[in-house]
Amino acid sequence: MKLEQVQSHKDLIVWQKAIDLVEDIYEVTAKLPSDERYGLVSQMRRAAVSIPSNIAEGHRRSSNKDSLRFMNIAYASGAELETHIEIIKRLKYRTSENAESLLEEVVKMLNKICSKAF
């Protein structure tokens, strides 16, 4: 799939799922202890928001090389968020299976987009 074939980033399924993921992450982090507000809550929300934001920015870039760079940034933010989810699981905080499966799906889609460029 060439990114320029899609009219808007909002038409990209990966962007739509990444937005759903942001919603789920906000729900998960709202349930974390208040002493995590400036730690995991902030980090997880920032990483989650970074994914669809970079997909959108990458879609608007004029060259495939620039687009790919932003897709790679989104992919890296996915790895960061995956790490945060693992941390909250190990600390015995509640997580969301939906958020975890959405993240896995988004990361796989981004990996496929990035690998097709080579």
C-alpha atoms as a PDB file:
ATOM      1  CA  MET A   1       0.000   0.000   0.000  1.00  0.00           C
ATOM      2  CA  LYS A   2       1.398   3.350  -0.998  1.00  0.00           C
ATOM      3  CA  LEU A   3       0.599   6.014   1.534  1.00  0.00           C
ATOM      4  CA  GLU A   4      -0.113   8.646  -1.104  1.00  0.00           C
ATOM      5  CA  GLN A   5      -3.040   6.559  -2.452  1.00  0.00           C
ATOM      6  CA  VAL A   6      -5.054   7.415   0.652  1.00  0.00           C
ATOM      7  CA  GLN A   7      -6.718  10.836   0.765  1.00  0.00           C
ATOM      8  CA  SER A   8      -6.402  11.447   4.492  1.00  0.00           C
ATOM      9  CA  HIS A   9      -4.509   9.901   7.365  1.00  0.00           C
ATOM     10  CA  LYS A  10      -7.948   9.341   8.897  1.00  0.00           C
ATOM     11  CA  ASP A  11      -8.597   6.779   6.145  1.00  0.00           C
ATOM     12  CA  LEU A  12      -5.638   4.664   7.255  1.00  0.00           C
ATOM     13  CA  ILE A  13      -6.769   1.661   9.291  1.00  0.00           C
ATOM     14  CA  VAL A  14      -3.523   1.770  11.270  1.00  0.00           C
ATOM     15  CA  TRP A  15      -4.277   5.383  12.281  1.00  0.00           C
ATOM     16  CA  GLN A  16      -7.863   4.479  13.270  1.00  0.00           C
ATOM     17  CA  LYS A  17      -6.673   1.591  15.433  1.00  0.00           C
ATOM     18  CA  ALA A  18      -3.949   3.773  16.952  1.00  0.00           C
ATOM     19  CA  ILE A  19      -6.618   6.320  17.968  1.00  0.00           C
ATOM     20  CA  ASP A  20      -8.612   3.489  19.584  1.00  0.00           C
ATOM     21  CA  LEU A  21      -5.425   2.485  21.389  1.00  0.00           C
ATOM     22  CA  VAL A  22      -4.997   6.021  22.770  1.00  0.00           C
ATOM     23  CA  GLU A  23      -8.504   5.858  24.229  1.00  0.00           C
ATOM     24  CA  ASP A  24      -7.769   2.517  25.880  1.00  0.00           C
ATOM     25  CA  ILE A  25      -4.445   3.728  27.279  1.00  0.00           C
ATOM     26  CA  TYR A  26      -6.135   6.785  28.795  1.00  0.00           C
ATOM     27  CA  GLU A  27      -8.633   4.458  30.483  1.00  0.00           C
ATOM     28  CA  VAL A  28      -5.873   2.171  31.779  1.00  0.00           C
ATOM     29  CA  THR A  29      -3.743   5.027  33.077  1.00  0.00           C
ATOM     30  CA  ALA A  30      -6.707   6.705  34.772  1.00  0.00           C
ATOM     31  CA  LYS A  31      -6.834   3.650  37.058  1.00  0.00           C
ATOM     32  CA  LEU A  32      -3.141   3.769  38.005  1.00  0.00           C
ATOM     33  CA  PRO A  33      -2.214   5.106  41.462  1.00  0.00           C
ATOM     34  CA  SER A  34      -1.948   8.875  41.745  1.00  0.00           C
ATOM     35  CA  ASP A  35       1.752   8.615  42.614  1.00  0.00           C
ATOM     36  CA  GLU A  36       2.296   7.396  39.025  1.00  0.00           C
ATOM     37  CA  ARG A  37       0.762  10.573  37.543  1.00  0.00           C
ATOM     38  CA  TYR A  38       4.167  12.036  36.612  1.00  0.00           C
ATOM     39  CA  GLY A  39       5.730   8.649  35.926  1.00  0.00           C
ATOM     40  CA  LEU A  40       4.031   5.857  34.068  1.00  0.00           C
ATOM     41  CA  VAL A  41       0.784   7.739  33.391  1.00  0.00           C
ATOM     42  CA  SER A  42       2.570  10.592  31.653  1.00  0.00           C
ATOM     43  CA  GLN A  43       4.993   8.311  29.791  1.00  0.00           C
ATOM     44  CA  MET A  44       2.306   5.909  28.590  1.00  0.00           C
ATOM     45  CA  ARG A  45      -0.023   8.640  27.399  1.00  0.00           C
ATOM     46  CA  ARG A  46       2.785  10.440  25.587  1.00  0.00           C
ATOM     47  CA  ALA A  47       3.919   7.231  23.837  1.00  0.00           C
ATOM     48  CA  ALA A  48       0.340   6.292  22.906  1.00  0.00           C
ATOM     49  CA  VAL A  49      -0.459   9.735  21.476  1.00  0.00           C
ATOM     50  CA  SER A  50       2.823   9.708  19.561  1.00  0.00           C
ATOM     51  CA  ILE A  51       1.744   6.709  17.481  1.00  0.00           C
ATOM     52  CA  PRO A  52      -1.251   8.189  15.584  1.00  0.00           C
ATOM     53  CA  SER A  53       0.362  11.630  15.590  1.00  0.00           C
ATOM     54  CA  ASN A  54       3.432  10.366  13.743  1.00  0.00           C
ATOM     55  CA  ILE A  55       1.299   8.299  11.364  1.00  0.00           C
ATOM     56  CA  ALA A  56      -0.667  11.457  10.505  1.00  0.00           C
ATOM     57  CA  GLU A  57       2.452  13.573  10.104  1.00  0.00           C
ATOM     58  CA  GLY A  58       4.139  10.906   8.005  1.00  0.00           C
ATOM     59  CA  HIS A  59       1.142  10.705   5.719  1.00  0.00           C
ATOM     60  CA  ARG A  60       1.316  14.448   5.079  1.00  0.00           C
ATOM     61  CA  ARG A  61       5.008  14.426   4.178  1.00  0.00           C
ATOM     62  CA  SER A  62       5.884  15.034   0.551  1.00  0.00           C
ATOM     63  CA  SER A  63       8.304  12.155   0.036  1.00  0.00           C
ATOM     64  CA  ASN A  64       8.117   8.454   0.791  1.00  0.00           C
ATOM     65  CA  LYS A  65      11.449   8.743   2.618  1.00  0.00           C
ATOM     66  CA  ASP A  66       9.996  11.343   5.007  1.00  0.00           C
ATOM     67  CA  SER A  67       6.793   9.313   5.403  1.00  0.00           C
ATOM     68  CA  LEU A  68       8.783   6.223   6.279  1.00  0.00           C
ATOM     69  CA  ARG A  69      10.792   8.127   8.893  1.00  0.00           C
ATOM     70  CA  PHE A  70       7.607   9.094  10.741  1.00  0.00           C
ATOM     71  CA  MET A  71       6.175   5.575  10.439  1.00  0.00           C
ATOM     72  CA  ASN A  72       9.394   4.317  12.050  1.00  0.00           C
ATOM     73  CA  ILE A  73       8.988   6.829  14.870  1.00  0.00           C
ATOM     74  CA  ALA A  74       5.411   5.591  15.401  1.00  0.00           C
ATOM     75  CA  TYR A  75       6.731   2.010  15.420  1.00  0.00           C
ATOM     76  CA  ALA A  76       9.358   2.918  18.030  1.00  0.00           C
ATOM     77  CA  SER A  77       6.701   4.586  20.191  1.00  0.00           C
ATOM     78  CA  GLY A  78       4.794   1.316  19.997  1.00  0.00           C
ATOM     79  CA  ALA A  79       7.805  -0.525  21.403  1.00  0.00           C
ATOM     80  CA  GLU A  80       8.054   2.062  24.172  1.00  0.00           C
ATOM     81  CA  LEU A  81       4.374   1.642  25.043  1.00  0.00           C
ATOM     82  CA  GLU A  82       4.750  -2.133  24.961  1.00  0.00           C
ATOM     83  CA  THR A  83       7.506  -1.788  27.574  1.00  0.00           C
ATOM     84  CA  HIS A  84       5.325   0.413  29.774  1.00  0.00           C
ATOM     85  CA  ILE A  85       2.504  -2.123  29.629  1.00  0.00           C
ATOM     86  CA  GLU A  86       4.915  -4.869  30.648  1.00  0.00           C
ATOM     87  CA  ILE A  87       6.057  -2.741  33.591  1.00  0.00           C
ATOM     88  CA  ILE A  88       2.527  -2.126  34.867  1.00  0.00           C
ATOM     89  CA  LYS A  89       1.791  -5.843  34.554  1.00  0.00           C
ATOM     90  CA  ARG A  90       4.883  -6.722  36.588  1.00  0.00           C
ATOM     91  CA  LEU A  91       3.958  -4.138  39.200  1.00  0.00           C
ATOM     92  CA  LYS A  92       0.575  -5.893  39.426  1.00  0.00           C
ATOM     93  CA  TYR A  93      -1.408  -2.891  38.218  1.00  0.00           C
ATOM     94  CA  ARG A  94      -4.445  -3.501  36.053  1.00  0.00           C
ATOM     95  CA  THR A  95      -4.030  -3.381  32.307  1.00  0.00           C
ATOM     96  CA  SER A  96      -6.378  -3.952  29.405  1.00  0.00           C
ATOM     97  CA  GLU A  97      -6.336  -6.962  27.133  1.00  0.00           C
ATOM     98  CA  ASN A  98      -7.973  -4.785  24.495  1.00  0.00           C
ATOM     99  CA  ALA A  99      -5.157  -2.225  24.718  1.00  0.00           C
ATOM    100  CA  GLU A 100      -2.563  -4.973  24.502  1.00  0.00           C
ATOM    101  CA  SER A 101      -4.145  -6.601  21.452  1.00  0.00           C
ATOM    102  CA  LEU A 102      -4.670  -3.233  19.746  1.00  0.00           C
ATOM    103  CA  LEU A 103      -1.047  -2.323  20.376  1.00  0.00           C
ATOM    104  CA  GLU A 104       0.107  -5.642  18.946  1.00  0.00           C
ATOM    105  CA  GLU A 105      -2.049  -5.105  15.857  1.00  0.00           C
ATOM    106  CA  VAL A 106      -0.864  -1.514  15.323  1.00  0.00           C
ATOM    107  CA  VAL A 107       2.796  -2.486  15.745  1.00  0.00           C
ATOM    108  CA  LYS A 108       2.401  -5.333  13.235  1.00  0.00           C
ATOM    109  CA  MET A 109       0.774  -2.996  10.733  1.00  0.00           C
ATOM    110  CA  LEU A 110       3.515  -0.394  11.155  1.00  0.00           C
ATOM    111  CA  ASN A 111       6.171  -3.078  10.820  1.00  0.00           C
ATOM    112  CA  LYS A 112       4.592  -4.201   7.548  1.00  0.00           C
ATOM    113  CA  ILE A 113       4.448  -0.619   6.237  1.00  0.00           C
ATOM    114  CA  CYS A 114       8.080   0.003   7.178  1.00  0.00           C
ATOM    115  CA  SER A 115       9.349  -3.305   5.789  1.00  0.00           C
ATOM    116  CA  LYS A 116       7.617  -2.822   2.420  1.00  0.00           C
ATOM    117  CA  ALA A 117       9.728   0.268   1.842  1.00  0.00           C
ATOM    118  CA  PHE A 118      12.874  -1.861   1.552  1.00  0.00           C
END
